[in-house]
Amino acid sequence: MGAWLRGKRACLRSKRGVVMVESGVTMLRCGRVLGQRVAGGGRPPWGGHGGTPRQEGCPSRALRTAAPRGADFLRELGQTLGRMGQTLRDQVPAAGSAWGGWLPPGIHPDPRPPDEADVVVVGGGVVGWSVAYWLKVLEGRFRRHGMKVLVVERDPTYSRASTVLSVGGIRQQFSLPENIQMSRFSASFLRDINEHLGVPNEPPIDIQFQPSGYLFLASPEDAAKLEATVQLQREEGAQVALLSPTQLKEKFPWINTEDVAVASYGLEDEGWFDPWTLLNAFRRKATSLGVHNCRGEVRAFVTTADDPTPVAAESARIKYVHIYMPDSLEYQPVACSIVVNAAGAWAGKLLEADGLPRKLCQPPLPIQPRKRYVFCWHCPDGPGLSCPFLVDTSGAYFRREGIAGNYLGGMSPPEEEEPDPSDLSVDHDYFQEQLWPRLARRVPSFESLRVRGSWAGYYDCNTFDHNGVLGPHPRLENLFLAAGFSGHGLQHSPAAGRAVAELVIRGRFESLDLRRLGWARLEDGEPLREAGVV
């Protein structure tokens, strides 16, 4: 065995030979660590109970080979405690502010952007980190550190992020085949999440999944449409049941079935989970695979259209992204080969940034932020543990939150009544005047509910057809899009990230055929309507 020693030049002689110890580090071979018994059970060759041998011509300074004692021990103990205290301070928000200087574990306080990257992912939400993760996975285990992937996020506290402000639902009940397929892919991914996103020497991932089917109620006018949608869902492999009003009342006796003609109820792979845990899991795994991240905002680009002699006027390539530092006019130009627009609700605004040729960005990307309220209330006589994720005929929705009689829900307003998205303030009159009457009509026990809290978040609303835009830009050759999911980006993030990574690395969709969700439908003016937007 050998023990590592540090010290100045010394000459040690023993029965096993001569070892030279220089300034630096070398290995002393003497059977066992200095100060311990040798293999034969006797004392070290120089006698005594350990310590440092003294040889003629050797310096008198002792080589420390055991735990420090006395003043040295106390000094190192103090340093260790100081580091522990600093770690705790880094993890706890500063007093007197909502977030203080706190950042999620694993995020450097202010990592500077590199000078270059192979792929720049703009947007560090769950979709952006999913893209980054799948890029490294598909790159191959033997080339894991070959592709340099950079994720740029302007708010690493995620205090205004759509991901962590959502209600965390996942469902199979969509009206578009592509959305159903992505939900099935994501459900399988989440079921085996530790096989995909587990990191060695870290605790297992628990996304706190609550299995409970979505329950869609349809009025007589919409009954035929819902039945046709369920038939499509079954053809795609989803397990969904149709319930008559009588069956609905038998299964959920607390529901008022007036004006309900039929209902659809998911039997598997539906429910809700913790969005923050999934985001962190993607981020930690991607970081462990070598993905870089930085805090900043992409506000400008440099393209080949700016070259003195552009190659082609009908297209261009992005050469640099300009990442602006927080609270500063300073920016870092980052050379890149690929850019992925995963900026969520601000994906449309990103394509209006300086440096992008306006004529090449037409038609504009129809993705805008839409503010949505979420309210939490308590009702001890409410539906209880049997409560599904209910979507009413009026558009109001709610689900159980925990097991103590708490519920949360909301409702999307009509287009003409969209609230101002400039901030995340909550209009409490909206609950009193719009949401509560609908809830109490469907669930009579909700007449006695008591509101306990509320928040607002953003939908990255694709105003064209309420579906995500996935794939390459038609005229910006190295720009890929992954945004516009209009409220179902969280649940589709595993599938969407994989799809974009396949396009970047292999040039085609492989796991799922999502070509219809590309840019072409925007140019052709042919929307793919999704009827199941909540």
Foldseek 3Di string as FASTA:
>chain_A
DWAKWADDWFWDQAPVGIDTHHHDIDIDDQQDFFQDAHPVRDHGRQDDRGWAHDDPPGDPDTIDGDQDDDPVNVVVVVVVVVVVVVVVVQQDADPPDDRHQHAPPPDDSFDDDDQAFAEEEEALALLSLLLLLLLLVVVDPVCLQVGAYEYEAQDRRCPFPQQQQFQFKQALQWQDLVNNLLSVVLLVCVVPVCVRQNDPPDDGQDQPWDDFKEKEFAFPVCVVVSVVSVVSSVVSPFAKDKDALVRVCVLQVLWDCPRTGIMIIGDDSITGGRSVSSSVSSVVRSVVSPHHYGHFHFQEFAWLVPPPDRPDPQFIATQWTWTHGPPDPDTHTYGYNAYEQPHAQCSQVNCVGYNHDPVNCPPGQQWHKFKWKKWKKAFQPFRFPNFHFYQYNVQWTKGDDDGRRMMMTGGDDDPVPTDDPPDWDDDPVCCVPPPQVVVCNGRVSSVPMGTDDMTMHIHRARPLAQDWAFADRPRHGRYTYTYHNRRCCSSSSNVRSNQNSCCVPVVAGDPDHPVVSHPVCVVVSNYDHMPPRD
